[in-house]
Amino acid sequence: MSKIKEVSDKIKEEVCQVFKGNTDVVDMVLACLFAGGHVLLEDVPGTGKTVLAKSVAKASGLEFSRIQCTPDLMPSDVTGSSVWLPDSKSFEFRAGPVMASIVLVDELNRATPRTQSALLECMAEGQVSVDGVRHSLDKPFFVLATENPVESEGTFPLPEAQKDRFMMTLSMGYPSDVEEAQIITAQRSLVHPVENVKAVVSKKDILEAMEEAVEVHVDDAVLAYLIALAKASREDMRIAAGVSPRGSIALYKACQAYAAVNGRTFVTPEDVKLLALPVFRKRIILTSDSLLKGYDADKIIRDIILQVPIPAFKAHV
């Protein structure tokens, strides 16, 4: 797993020169990238979501685009559209911003359900359909979407099917005093620090790392532990709908990539325990009684993690 470790270390080193915050989030974002997943970032504005997305894209040598969601955003504004050319008397496809390798979708819940569903096809199928013609998306294709969890006025909550397409839901949180001081002093230049980020790997390196991630070994005991966590969510009386098999697959792939990012050829129970919360938190639906009692998804998932025993494990060499 030397390739994926080398690639992730180079990207992380370059990204952390401008992104001052929770470095664990960087590891998890890179794990999602290498696992072929997508990330939903839930945080208040100004905590560095755009800086993180841009710096990862630049350091990875991948094409980056940004979609600012508003209620009047149309599906064609995301996917692209066919334009009539009078000279040739034919239609030409003009690609939308979703055709990039890394796409930052800002304030996703401000887009209408119709526009959200257009993005869902891109995330689920790796293609866009315009006027009955399918156009394949670039590989890798990685969506970093953001939501403001505080403000709900004028928003359209994501349907469960769309939430399920995100491999992880992460919160970056506020920086420490030292990190905030670094962020402020870095802004003294007229040029934004993210503009100084250089490509340290190539698209070919990313694709090779993705191929390597799926080779990470998962012991039967670790797999059984993963399934036990998902099953416990289905049996918990506070949950109306537990984690689906798709959620289990997402956790499996995320753990493989996360282990590789950390230089291991095998997944440990601690990987599963660590990633269960960001992978599962948007994949359960609480009962109305649980909501009335003040429970939230994070609290219940943490309870489940504590209840399910961690298996005995022997490292795979």
C-alpha atoms as a PDB file:
ATOM      1  CA  MET A   1       0.000   0.000   0.000  1.00  0.00           C
ATOM      2  CA  SER A   2       2.986   2.258  -0.481  1.00  0.00           C
ATOM      3  CA  LYS A   3       1.405   4.097  -3.421  1.00  0.00           C
ATOM      4  CA  ILE A   4      -1.743   5.297  -1.683  1.00  0.00           C
ATOM      5  CA  LYS A   5       0.205   6.260   1.451  1.00  0.00           C
ATOM      6  CA  GLU A   6       2.714   8.223  -0.626  1.00  0.00           C
ATOM      7  CA  VAL A   7      -0.020   9.982  -2.611  1.00  0.00           C
ATOM      8  CA  SER A   8      -2.122  10.841   0.448  1.00  0.00           C
ATOM      9  CA  ASP A   9       0.884  12.129   2.412  1.00  0.00           C
ATOM     10  CA  LYS A  10       1.880  14.446  -0.439  1.00  0.00           C
ATOM     11  CA  ILE A  11      -1.653  15.802  -0.799  1.00  0.00           C
ATOM     12  CA  LYS A  12      -2.131  16.213   2.946  1.00  0.00           C
ATOM     13  CA  GLU A  13       1.168  18.049   3.379  1.00  0.00           C
ATOM     14  CA  GLU A  14       0.295  20.502   0.614  1.00  0.00           C
ATOM     15  CA  VAL A  15      -3.316  20.957   1.765  1.00  0.00           C
ATOM     16  CA  CYS A  16      -2.360  21.567   5.401  1.00  0.00           C
ATOM     17  CA  GLN A  17      -0.174  24.498   4.371  1.00  0.00           C
ATOM     18  CA  VAL A  18      -3.360  26.481   3.726  1.00  0.00           C
ATOM     19  CA  PHE A  19      -6.082  24.515   5.535  1.00  0.00           C
ATOM     20  CA  LYS A  20      -5.705  25.111   9.258  1.00  0.00           C
ATOM     21  CA  GLY A  21      -8.147  22.948  11.131  1.00  0.00           C
ATOM     22  CA  ASN A  22      -9.025  19.383  12.003  1.00  0.00           C
ATOM     23  CA  THR A  23      -6.485  17.240  10.114  1.00  0.00           C
ATOM     24  CA  ASP A  24      -8.576  14.118  10.821  1.00  0.00           C
ATOM     25  CA  VAL A  25     -11.166  15.595   8.460  1.00  0.00           C
ATOM     26  CA  VAL A  26      -8.502  15.790   5.732  1.00  0.00           C
ATOM     27  CA  ASP A  27      -7.725  12.078   6.217  1.00  0.00           C
ATOM     28  CA  MET A  28     -11.406  11.189   5.975  1.00  0.00           C
ATOM     29  CA  VAL A  29     -11.951  13.352   2.886  1.00  0.00           C
ATOM     30  CA  LEU A  30      -8.982  11.683   1.180  1.00  0.00           C
ATOM     31  CA  ALA A  31     -10.304   8.263   2.215  1.00  0.00           C
ATOM     32  CA  CYS A  32     -13.628   9.084   0.536  1.00  0.00           C
ATOM     33  CA  LEU A  33     -11.809  10.260  -2.588  1.00  0.00           C
ATOM     34  CA  PHE A  34      -9.784   7.032  -2.844  1.00  0.00           C
ATOM     35  CA  ALA A  35     -12.849   4.906  -2.035  1.00  0.00           C
ATOM     36  CA  GLY A  36     -14.834   6.500  -4.868  1.00  0.00           C
ATOM     37  CA  GLY A  37     -17.340   8.092  -2.486  1.00  0.00           C
ATOM     38  CA  HIS A  38     -18.682  11.581  -1.847  1.00  0.00           C
ATOM     39  CA  VAL A  39     -18.671  13.823   1.242  1.00  0.00           C
ATOM     40  CA  LEU A  40     -21.325  16.025   2.842  1.00  0.00           C
ATOM     41  CA  LEU A  41     -19.833  18.768   5.037  1.00  0.00           C
ATOM     42  CA  GLU A  42     -22.236  20.188   7.607  1.00  0.00           C
ATOM     43  CA  ASP A  43     -20.883  23.375   9.113  1.00  0.00           C
ATOM     44  CA  VAL A  44     -21.538  27.062   9.531  1.00  0.00           C
ATOM     45  CA  PRO A  45     -20.188  29.395   6.803  1.00  0.00           C
ATOM     46  CA  GLY A  46     -16.567  30.462   7.001  1.00  0.00           C
ATOM     47  CA  THR A  47     -15.031  27.347   8.552  1.00  0.00           C
ATOM     48  CA  GLY A  48     -12.897  26.439   5.524  1.00  0.00           C
ATOM     49  CA  LYS A  49     -15.061  24.087   3.463  1.00  0.00           C
ATOM     50  CA  THR A  50     -14.238  25.800   0.173  1.00  0.00           C
ATOM     51  CA  VAL A  51     -10.551  26.123   1.052  1.00  0.00           C
ATOM     52  CA  LEU A  52     -10.400  22.402   1.813  1.00  0.00           C
ATOM     53  CA  ALA A  53     -12.135  21.411  -1.428  1.00  0.00           C
ATOM     54  CA  LYS A  54     -10.058  23.756  -3.614  1.00  0.00           C
ATOM     55  CA  SER A  55      -6.752  22.804  -2.020  1.00  0.00           C
ATOM     56  CA  VAL A  56      -7.454  19.060  -2.326  1.00  0.00           C
ATOM     57  CA  ALA A  57      -8.357  19.540  -5.997  1.00  0.00           C
ATOM     58  CA  LYS A  58      -5.254  21.620  -6.765  1.00  0.00           C
ATOM     59  CA  ALA A  59      -2.877  19.357  -4.844  1.00  0.00           C
ATOM     60  CA  SER A  60      -4.384  16.322  -6.593  1.00  0.00           C
ATOM     61  CA  GLY A  61      -3.885  17.824 -10.032  1.00  0.00           C
ATOM     62  CA  LEU A  62      -7.611  17.430 -10.703  1.00  0.00           C
ATOM     63  CA  GLU A  63     -10.058  19.803 -12.383  1.00  0.00           C
ATOM     64  CA  PHE A  64     -12.202  21.698  -9.868  1.00  0.00           C
ATOM     65  CA  SER A  65     -15.562  23.431 -10.178  1.00  0.00           C
ATOM     66  CA  ARG A  66     -17.994  25.032  -7.756  1.00  0.00           C
ATOM     67  CA  ILE A  67     -21.783  25.123  -7.836  1.00  0.00           C
ATOM     68  CA  GLN A  68     -23.491  27.712  -5.629  1.00  0.00           C
ATOM     69  CA  CYS A  69     -26.988  26.379  -5.010  1.00  0.00           C
ATOM     70  CA  THR A  70     -29.975  28.739  -4.995  1.00  0.00           C
ATOM     71  CA  PRO A  71     -33.721  28.081  -5.375  1.00  0.00           C
ATOM     72  CA  ASP A  72     -33.620  29.272  -9.000  1.00  0.00           C
ATOM     73  CA  LEU A  73     -30.752  26.942  -9.974  1.00  0.00           C
ATOM     74  CA  MET A  74     -31.925  24.701 -12.817  1.00  0.00           C
ATOM     75  CA  PRO A  75     -30.800  21.112 -13.519  1.00  0.00           C
ATOM     76  CA  SER A  76     -29.244  22.301 -16.787  1.00  0.00           C
ATOM     77  CA  ASP A  77     -27.125  24.781 -14.798  1.00  0.00           C
ATOM     78  CA  VAL A  78     -25.554  21.746 -13.134  1.00  0.00           C
ATOM     79  CA  THR A  79     -25.387  19.153 -15.896  1.00  0.00           C
ATOM     80  CA  GLY A  80     -25.011  21.353 -18.974  1.00  0.00           C
ATOM     81  CA  SER A  81     -27.316  21.749 -21.958  1.00  0.00           C
ATOM     82  CA  SER A  82     -27.594  21.312 -25.710  1.00  0.00           C
ATOM     83  CA  VAL A  83     -27.087  24.509 -27.713  1.00  0.00           C
ATOM     84  CA  TRP A  84     -28.374  24.957 -31.274  1.00  0.00           C
ATOM     85  CA  LEU A  85     -25.671  25.929 -33.788  1.00  0.00           C
ATOM     86  CA  PRO A  86     -27.263  27.683 -36.803  1.00  0.00           C
ATOM     87  CA  ASP A  87     -24.193  27.261 -39.022  1.00  0.00           C
ATOM     88  CA  SER A  88     -24.035  23.475 -38.730  1.00  0.00           C
ATOM     89  CA  LYS A  89     -27.766  23.116 -38.048  1.00  0.00           C
ATOM     90  CA  SER A  90     -27.073  20.782 -35.161  1.00  0.00           C
ATOM     91  CA  PHE A  91     -27.025  20.724 -31.381  1.00  0.00           C
ATOM     92  CA  GLU A  92     -23.789  20.878 -29.430  1.00  0.00           C
ATOM     93  CA  PHE A  93     -23.487  19.765 -25.815  1.00  0.00           C
ATOM     94  CA  ARG A  94     -22.091  22.447 -23.519  1.00  0.00           C
ATOM     95  CA  ALA A  95     -20.832  20.766 -20.371  1.00  0.00           C
ATOM     96  CA  GLY A  96     -21.940  22.050 -16.980  1.00  0.00           C
ATOM     97  CA  PRO A  97     -19.794  22.431 -13.857  1.00  0.00           C
ATOM     98  CA  VAL A  98     -20.560  18.858 -12.782  1.00  0.00           C
ATOM     99  CA  MET A  99     -18.232  17.563 -15.513  1.00  0.00           C
ATOM    100  CA  ALA A 100     -15.146  18.352 -13.388  1.00  0.00           C
ATOM    101  CA  SER A 101     -13.298  15.758 -11.277  1.00  0.00           C
ATOM    102  CA  ILE A 102     -13.862  17.491  -7.921  1.00  0.00           C
ATOM    103  CA  VAL A 103     -17.108  19.427  -7.542  1.00  0.00           C
ATOM    104  CA  LEU A 104     -17.919  21.642  -4.561  1.00  0.00           C
ATOM    105  CA  VAL A 105     -21.702  21.954  -4.228  1.00  0.00           C
ATOM    106  CA  ASP A 106     -22.246  24.843  -1.830  1.00  0.00           C
ATOM    107  CA  GLU A 107     -25.446  24.898   0.255  1.00  0.00           C
ATOM    108  CA  LEU A 108     -26.919  21.858  -1.451  1.00  0.00           C
ATOM    109  CA  ASN A 109     -30.166  22.098   0.505  1.00  0.00           C
ATOM    110  CA  ARG A 110     -30.931  25.487  -1.094  1.00  0.00           C
ATOM    111  CA  ALA A 111     -31.395  23.804  -4.484  1.00  0.00           C
ATOM    112  CA  THR A 112     -34.882  22.579  -5.401  1.00  0.00           C
ATOM    113  CA  PRO A 113     -35.646  18.826  -5.322  1.00  0.00           C
ATOM    114  CA  ARG A 114     -35.585  18.776  -9.127  1.00  0.00           C
ATOM    115  CA  THR A 115     -32.025  20.112  -9.225  1.00  0.00           C
ATOM    116  CA  GLN A 116     -30.998  17.863  -6.340  1.00  0.00           C
ATOM    117  CA  SER A 117     -32.231  14.832  -8.291  1.00  0.00           C
ATOM    118  CA  ALA A 118     -30.076  15.830 -11.274  1.00  0.00           C
ATOM    119  CA  LEU A 119     -27.049  15.807  -9.007  1.00  0.00           C
ATOM    120  CA  LEU A 120     -28.181  12.466  -7.563  1.00  0.00           C
ATOM    121  CA  GLU A 121     -27.932  10.842 -11.002  1.00  0.00           C
ATOM    122  CA  CYS A 122     -24.398  12.166 -11.374  1.00  0.00           C
ATOM    123  CA  MET A 123     -23.360  10.779  -7.984  1.00  0.00           C
ATOM    124  CA  ALA A 124     -25.120   7.445  -8.346  1.00  0.00           C
ATOM    125  CA  GLU A 125     -24.541   6.633 -12.007  1.00  0.00           C
ATOM    126  CA  GLY A 126     -21.392   8.575 -12.905  1.00  0.00           C
ATOM    127  CA  GLN A 127     -23.167  10.132 -15.872  1.00  0.00           C
ATOM    128  CA  VAL A 128     -25.550  12.922 -16.882  1.00  0.00           C
ATOM    129  CA  SER A 129     -28.534  12.682 -19.206  1.00  0.00           C
ATOM    130  CA  VAL A 130     -29.251  15.720 -21.370  1.00  0.00           C
ATOM    131  CA  ASP A 131     -31.976  15.586 -24.027  1.00  0.00           C
ATOM    132  CA  GLY A 132     -31.953  11.796 -23.884  1.00  0.00           C
ATOM    133  CA  VAL A 133     -28.204  11.552 -24.466  1.00  0.00           C
ATOM    134  CA  ARG A 134     -25.949  10.155 -21.753  1.00  0.00           C
ATOM    135  CA  HIS A 135     -22.596  11.755 -21.069  1.00  0.00           C
ATOM    136  CA  SER A 136     -20.073   9.946 -18.884  1.00  0.00           C
ATOM    137  CA  LEU A 137     -18.437  11.896 -16.082  1.00  0.00           C
ATOM    138  CA  ASP A 138     -14.736  12.142 -15.495  1.00  0.00           C
ATOM    139  CA  LYS A 139     -12.920   9.603 -13.332  1.00  0.00           C
ATOM    140  CA  PRO A 140     -12.353  10.171 -10.529  1.00  0.00           C
ATOM    141  CA  PHE A 141     -15.590  12.031  -9.812  1.00  0.00           C
ATOM    142  CA  PHE A 142     -15.775  13.411  -6.284  1.00  0.00           C
ATOM    143  CA  VAL A 143     -18.531  15.610  -4.840  1.00  0.00           C
ATOM    144  CA  LEU A 144     -17.958  17.738  -1.748  1.00  0.00           C
ATOM    145  CA  ALA A 145     -21.348  19.170  -0.794  1.00  0.00           C
ATOM    146  CA  THR A 146     -22.004  21.589   2.060  1.00  0.00           C
ATOM    147  CA  GLU A 147     -24.976  22.403   4.259  1.00  0.00           C
ATOM    148  CA  ASN A 148     -25.487  25.029   6.951  1.00  0.00           C
ATOM    149  CA  PRO A 149     -27.063  23.081   9.851  1.00  0.00           C
ATOM    150  CA  VAL A 150     -28.134  26.253  11.676  1.00  0.00           C
ATOM    151  CA  GLU A 151     -30.217  28.024   9.031  1.00  0.00           C
ATOM    152  CA  SER A 152     -33.237  26.176   7.613  1.00  0.00           C
ATOM    153  CA  GLU A 153     -35.373  28.992   6.169  1.00  0.00           C
ATOM    154  CA  GLY A 154     -35.689  28.771   2.392  1.00  0.00           C
ATOM    155  CA  THR A 155     -34.102  25.325   2.206  1.00  0.00           C
ATOM    156  CA  PHE A 156     -35.200  21.974   0.786  1.00  0.00           C
ATOM    157  CA  PRO A 157     -34.214  19.049   3.043  1.00  0.00           C
ATOM    158  CA  LEU A 158     -32.356  16.301   1.222  1.00  0.00           C
ATOM    159  CA  PRO A 159     -34.403  13.153   0.544  1.00  0.00           C
ATOM    160  CA  GLU A 160     -33.178   9.947   2.166  1.00  0.00           C
ATOM    161  CA  ALA A 161     -32.052   8.569  -1.213  1.00  0.00           C
ATOM    162  CA  GLN A 162     -29.718  11.516  -1.701  1.00  0.00           C
ATOM    163  CA  LYS A 163     -28.304  11.375   1.827  1.00  0.00           C
ATOM    164  CA  ASP A 164     -27.482   7.721   1.212  1.00  0.00           C
ATOM    165  CA  ARG A 165     -25.274   8.639  -1.761  1.00  0.00           C
ATOM    166  CA  PHE A 166     -22.779  10.425   0.474  1.00  0.00           C
ATOM    167  CA  MET A 167     -20.179   8.069   1.876  1.00  0.00           C
ATOM    168  CA  MET A 168     -19.563  10.320   4.897  1.00  0.00           C
ATOM    169  CA  THR A 169     -21.118  13.322   6.596  1.00  0.00           C
ATOM    170  CA  LEU A 170     -18.425  15.366   8.325  1.00  0.00           C
ATOM    171  CA  SER A 171     -18.296  18.430  10.551  1.00  0.00           C
ATOM    172  CA  MET A 172     -15.065  20.415  10.592  1.00  0.00           C
ATOM    173  CA  GLY A 173     -15.834  22.466  13.684  1.00  0.00           C
ATOM    174  CA  TYR A 174     -14.183  25.706  14.729  1.00  0.00           C
ATOM    175  CA  PRO A 175     -10.367  25.936  14.702  1.00  0.00           C
ATOM    176  CA  SER A 176      -8.286  26.238  17.854  1.00  0.00           C
ATOM    177  CA  ASP A 177      -6.924  29.641  18.931  1.00  0.00           C
ATOM    178  CA  VAL A 178      -3.533  28.868  17.381  1.00  0.00           C
ATOM    179  CA  GLU A 179      -5.098  27.666  14.126  1.00  0.00           C
ATOM    180  CA  GLU A 180      -7.372  30.712  13.919  1.00  0.00           C
ATOM    181  CA  ALA A 181      -4.366  33.000  14.408  1.00  0.00           C
ATOM    182  CA  GLN A 182      -2.616  31.210  11.516  1.00  0.00           C
ATOM    183  CA  ILE A 183      -5.719  31.607   9.347  1.00  0.00           C
ATOM    184  CA  ILE A 184      -5.930  35.341  10.049  1.00  0.00           C
ATOM    185  CA  THR A 185      -2.236  36.094   9.483  1.00  0.00           C
ATOM    186  CA  ALA A 186      -2.261  34.096   6.229  1.00  0.00           C
ATOM    187  CA  GLN A 187      -4.845  36.533   4.823  1.00  0.00           C
ATOM    188  CA  ARG A 188      -2.486  39.530   4.948  1.00  0.00           C
ATOM    189  CA  SER A 189      -1.470  38.938   1.347  1.00  0.00           C
ATOM    190  CA  LEU A 190      -3.613  40.170  -1.534  1.00  0.00           C
ATOM    191  CA  VAL A 191      -3.417  36.654  -2.980  1.00  0.00           C
ATOM    192  CA  HIS A 192      -5.496  34.007  -1.214  1.00  0.00           C
ATOM    193  CA  PRO A 193      -3.255  31.257   0.229  1.00  0.00           C
ATOM    194  CA  VAL A 194      -5.109  28.546  -1.708  1.00  0.00           C
ATOM    195  CA  GLU A 195      -3.769  30.048  -4.946  1.00  0.00           C
ATOM    196  CA  ASN A 196      -0.278  28.986  -3.867  1.00  0.00           C
ATOM    197  CA  VAL A 197      -1.224  25.308  -3.628  1.00  0.00           C
ATOM    198  CA  LYS A 198       0.647  23.260  -6.231  1.00  0.00           C
ATOM    199  CA  ALA A 199      -0.202  19.949  -7.857  1.00  0.00           C
ATOM    200  CA  VAL A 200       1.956  17.390  -6.045  1.00  0.00           C
ATOM    201  CA  VAL A 201       0.442  14.283  -7.673  1.00  0.00           C
ATOM    202  CA  SER A 202      -1.252  13.546 -10.977  1.00  0.00           C
ATOM    203  CA  LYS A 203      -4.633  12.216 -11.988  1.00  0.00           C
ATOM    204  CA  LYS A 204      -2.898   8.939 -12.864  1.00  0.00           C
ATOM    205  CA  ASP A 205      -1.561   8.700  -9.302  1.00  0.00           C
ATOM    206  CA  ILE A 206      -5.065   9.179  -7.892  1.00  0.00           C
ATOM    207  CA  LEU A 207      -6.532   6.446 -10.098  1.00  0.00           C
ATOM    208  CA  GLU A 208      -3.735   4.041  -9.152  1.00  0.00           C
ATOM    209  CA  ALA A 209      -4.322   4.807  -5.468  1.00  0.00           C
ATOM    210  CA  MET A 210      -8.035   4.071  -5.908  1.00  0.00           C
ATOM    211  CA  GLU A 211      -7.217   0.689  -7.423  1.00  0.00           C
ATOM    212  CA  GLU A 212      -4.890  -0.056  -4.517  1.00  0.00           C
ATOM    213  CA  ALA A 213      -7.500   0.843  -1.885  1.00  0.00           C
ATOM    214  CA  VAL A 214      -9.802  -2.034  -2.830  1.00  0.00           C
ATOM    215  CA  GLU A 215      -6.985  -4.523  -2.150  1.00  0.00           C
ATOM    216  CA  VAL A 216      -6.840  -3.691   1.574  1.00  0.00           C
ATOM    217  CA  HIS A 217      -7.575  -6.828   3.603  1.00  0.00           C
ATOM    218  CA  VAL A 218     -10.681  -7.018   5.806  1.00  0.00           C
ATOM    219  CA  ASP A 219     -10.628  -9.879   8.311  1.00  0.00           C
ATOM    220  CA  ASP A 220     -13.805 -11.943   8.796  1.00  0.00           C
ATOM    221  CA  ALA A 221     -14.001 -10.830  12.434  1.00  0.00           C
ATOM    222  CA  VAL A 222     -13.801  -7.168  11.402  1.00  0.00           C
ATOM    223  CA  LEU A 223     -16.477  -7.691   8.744  1.00  0.00           C
ATOM    224  CA  ALA A 224     -18.718  -9.394  11.312  1.00  0.00           C
ATOM    225  CA  TYR A 225     -18.221  -6.401  13.642  1.00  0.00           C
ATOM    226  CA  LEU A 226     -19.176  -4.000  10.850  1.00  0.00           C
ATOM    227  CA  ILE A 227     -22.342  -5.987  10.108  1.00  0.00           C
ATOM    228  CA  ALA A 228     -23.185  -6.165  13.820  1.00  0.00           C
ATOM    229  CA  LEU A 229     -23.123  -2.358  14.038  1.00  0.00           C
ATOM    230  CA  ALA A 230     -25.450  -2.036  11.042  1.00  0.00           C
ATOM    231  CA  LYS A 231     -27.766  -4.738  12.423  1.00  0.00           C
ATOM    232  CA  ALA A 232     -27.891  -3.038  15.832  1.00  0.00           C
ATOM    233  CA  SER A 233     -29.155   0.137  14.148  1.00  0.00           C
ATOM    234  CA  ARG A 234     -32.041  -1.848  12.628  1.00  0.00           C
ATOM    235  CA  GLU A 235     -33.020  -3.345  15.983  1.00  0.00           C
ATOM    236  CA  ASP A 236     -32.784  -0.171  18.092  1.00  0.00           C
ATOM    237  CA  MET A 237     -36.273   0.902  19.188  1.00  0.00           C
ATOM    238  CA  ARG A 238     -35.333   4.582  18.846  1.00  0.00           C
ATOM    239  CA  ILE A 239     -34.718   4.156  15.110  1.00  0.00           C
ATOM    240  CA  ALA A 240     -37.536   3.843  12.569  1.00  0.00           C
ATOM    241  CA  ALA A 241     -35.231   2.837   9.694  1.00  0.00           C
ATOM    242  CA  GLY A 242     -31.726   1.546  10.294  1.00  0.00           C
ATOM    243  CA  VAL A 243     -28.616   1.380   8.147  1.00  0.00           C
ATOM    244  CA  SER A 244     -29.189  -0.318   4.785  1.00  0.00           C
ATOM    245  CA  PRO A 245     -26.768  -2.749   3.096  1.00  0.00           C
ATOM    246  CA  ARG A 246     -25.599   0.210   0.993  1.00  0.00           C
ATOM    247  CA  GLY A 247     -24.523   1.869   4.228  1.00  0.00           C
ATOM    248  CA  SER A 248     -22.588  -1.250   5.211  1.00  0.00           C
ATOM    249  CA  ILE A 249     -20.852  -1.241   1.829  1.00  0.00           C
ATOM    250  CA  ALA A 250     -19.966   2.440   2.276  1.00  0.00           C
ATOM    251  CA  LEU A 251     -18.415   1.747   5.695  1.00  0.00           C
ATOM    252  CA  TYR A 252     -16.497  -1.243   4.304  1.00  0.00           C
ATOM    253  CA  LYS A 253     -14.988   0.770   1.440  1.00  0.00           C
ATOM    254  CA  ALA A 254     -14.300   3.800   3.632  1.00  0.00           C
ATOM    255  CA  CYS A 255     -12.413   1.638   6.139  1.00  0.00           C
ATOM    256  CA  GLN A 256     -10.308   0.084   3.377  1.00  0.00           C
ATOM    257  CA  ALA A 257      -9.269   3.490   2.035  1.00  0.00           C
ATOM    258  CA  TYR A 258      -8.752   4.971   5.513  1.00  0.00           C
ATOM    259  CA  ALA A 259      -6.477   2.084   6.508  1.00  0.00           C
ATOM    260  CA  ALA A 260      -4.447   2.553   3.318  1.00  0.00           C
ATOM    261  CA  VAL A 261      -4.180   6.313   3.881  1.00  0.00           C
ATOM    262  CA  ASN A 262      -2.682   5.483   7.271  1.00  0.00           C
ATOM    263  CA  GLY A 263      -0.164   3.086   5.742  1.00  0.00           C
ATOM    264  CA  ARG A 264      -1.805  -0.230   6.610  1.00  0.00           C
ATOM    265  CA  THR A 265      -2.645  -3.216   4.410  1.00  0.00           C
ATOM    266  CA  PHE A 266      -5.512  -4.295   6.658  1.00  0.00           C
ATOM    267  CA  VAL A 267      -8.563  -2.814   8.380  1.00  0.00           C
ATOM    268  CA  THR A 268      -8.736  -2.836  12.180  1.00  0.00           C
ATOM    269  CA  PRO A 269     -11.853  -2.818  14.393  1.00  0.00           C
ATOM    270  CA  GLU A 270     -10.775   0.686  15.487  1.00  0.00           C
ATOM    271  CA  ASP A 271     -11.140   1.870  11.864  1.00  0.00           C
ATOM    272  CA  VAL A 272     -14.716   0.581  11.817  1.00  0.00           C
ATOM    273  CA  LYS A 273     -15.449   2.134  15.210  1.00  0.00           C
ATOM    274  CA  LEU A 274     -14.009   5.512  14.156  1.00  0.00           C
ATOM    275  CA  LEU A 275     -15.786   5.730  10.798  1.00  0.00           C
ATOM    276  CA  ALA A 276     -19.153   4.287  11.838  1.00  0.00           C
ATOM    277  CA  LEU A 277     -20.382   7.684  13.061  1.00  0.00           C
ATOM    278  CA  PRO A 278     -19.585   9.793   9.949  1.00  0.00           C
ATOM    279  CA  VAL A 279     -20.809   7.009   7.637  1.00  0.00           C
ATOM    280  CA  PHE A 280     -24.010   6.117   9.512  1.00  0.00           C
ATOM    281  CA  ARG A 281     -25.201   9.488  10.879  1.00  0.00           C
ATOM    282  CA  LYS A 282     -27.275  10.369   7.787  1.00  0.00           C
ATOM    283  CA  ARG A 283     -28.385   6.800   7.130  1.00  0.00           C
ATOM    284  CA  ILE A 284     -30.804   6.316  10.012  1.00  0.00           C
ATOM    285  CA  ILE A 285     -34.290   7.726  10.541  1.00  0.00           C
ATOM    286  CA  LEU A 286     -35.354   8.345  14.121  1.00  0.00           C
ATOM    287  CA  THR A 287     -38.841   7.608  15.418  1.00  0.00           C
ATOM    288  CA  SER A 288     -41.066  10.572  16.239  1.00  0.00           C
ATOM    289  CA  ASP A 289     -40.936   9.540  19.898  1.00  0.00           C
ATOM    290  CA  SER A 290     -37.125   9.691  19.875  1.00  0.00           C
ATOM    291  CA  LEU A 291     -37.195  13.159  18.350  1.00  0.00           C
ATOM    292  CA  LEU A 292     -39.679  14.352  20.986  1.00  0.00           C
ATOM    293  CA  LYS A 293     -37.365  13.041  23.702  1.00  0.00           C
ATOM    294  CA  GLY A 294     -34.483  15.063  22.261  1.00  0.00           C
ATOM    295  CA  TYR A 295     -32.403  12.251  20.786  1.00  0.00           C
ATOM    296  CA  ASP A 296     -30.256  12.869  17.726  1.00  0.00           C
ATOM    297  CA  ALA A 297     -28.585  10.474  15.282  1.00  0.00           C
ATOM    298  CA  ASP A 298     -25.074  11.015  16.653  1.00  0.00           C
ATOM    299  CA  LYS A 299     -26.124  10.182  20.217  1.00  0.00           C
ATOM    300  CA  ILE A 300     -27.853   6.949  19.178  1.00  0.00           C
ATOM    301  CA  ILE A 301     -24.994   5.801  16.938  1.00  0.00           C
ATOM    302  CA  ARG A 302     -22.492   6.435  19.741  1.00  0.00           C
ATOM    303  CA  ASP A 303     -24.678   4.330  22.038  1.00  0.00           C
ATOM    304  CA  ILE A 304     -24.701   1.514  19.480  1.00  0.00           C
ATOM    305  CA  ILE A 305     -20.907   1.673  19.102  1.00  0.00           C
ATOM    306  CA  LEU A 306     -20.557   1.323  22.882  1.00  0.00           C
ATOM    307  CA  GLN A 307     -23.033  -1.573  23.033  1.00  0.00           C
ATOM    308  CA  VAL A 308     -21.559  -3.749  20.266  1.00  0.00           C
ATOM    309  CA  PRO A 309     -18.461  -5.592  21.555  1.00  0.00           C
ATOM    310  CA  ILE A 310     -15.198  -5.083  19.669  1.00  0.00           C
ATOM    311  CA  PRO A 311     -13.913  -8.439  18.373  1.00  0.00           C
ATOM    312  CA  ALA A 312     -10.554 -10.009  19.093  1.00  0.00           C
ATOM    313  CA  PHE A 313      -8.325  -9.214  16.147  1.00  0.00           C
ATOM    314  CA  LYS A 314      -5.021 -10.430  14.782  1.00  0.00           C
ATOM    315  CA  ALA A 315      -3.228  -8.079  12.389  1.00  0.00           C
ATOM    316  CA  HIS A 316      -2.979  -9.348   8.823  1.00  0.00           C
ATOM    317  CA  VAL A 317       0.556  -9.217   7.431  1.00  0.00           C
END
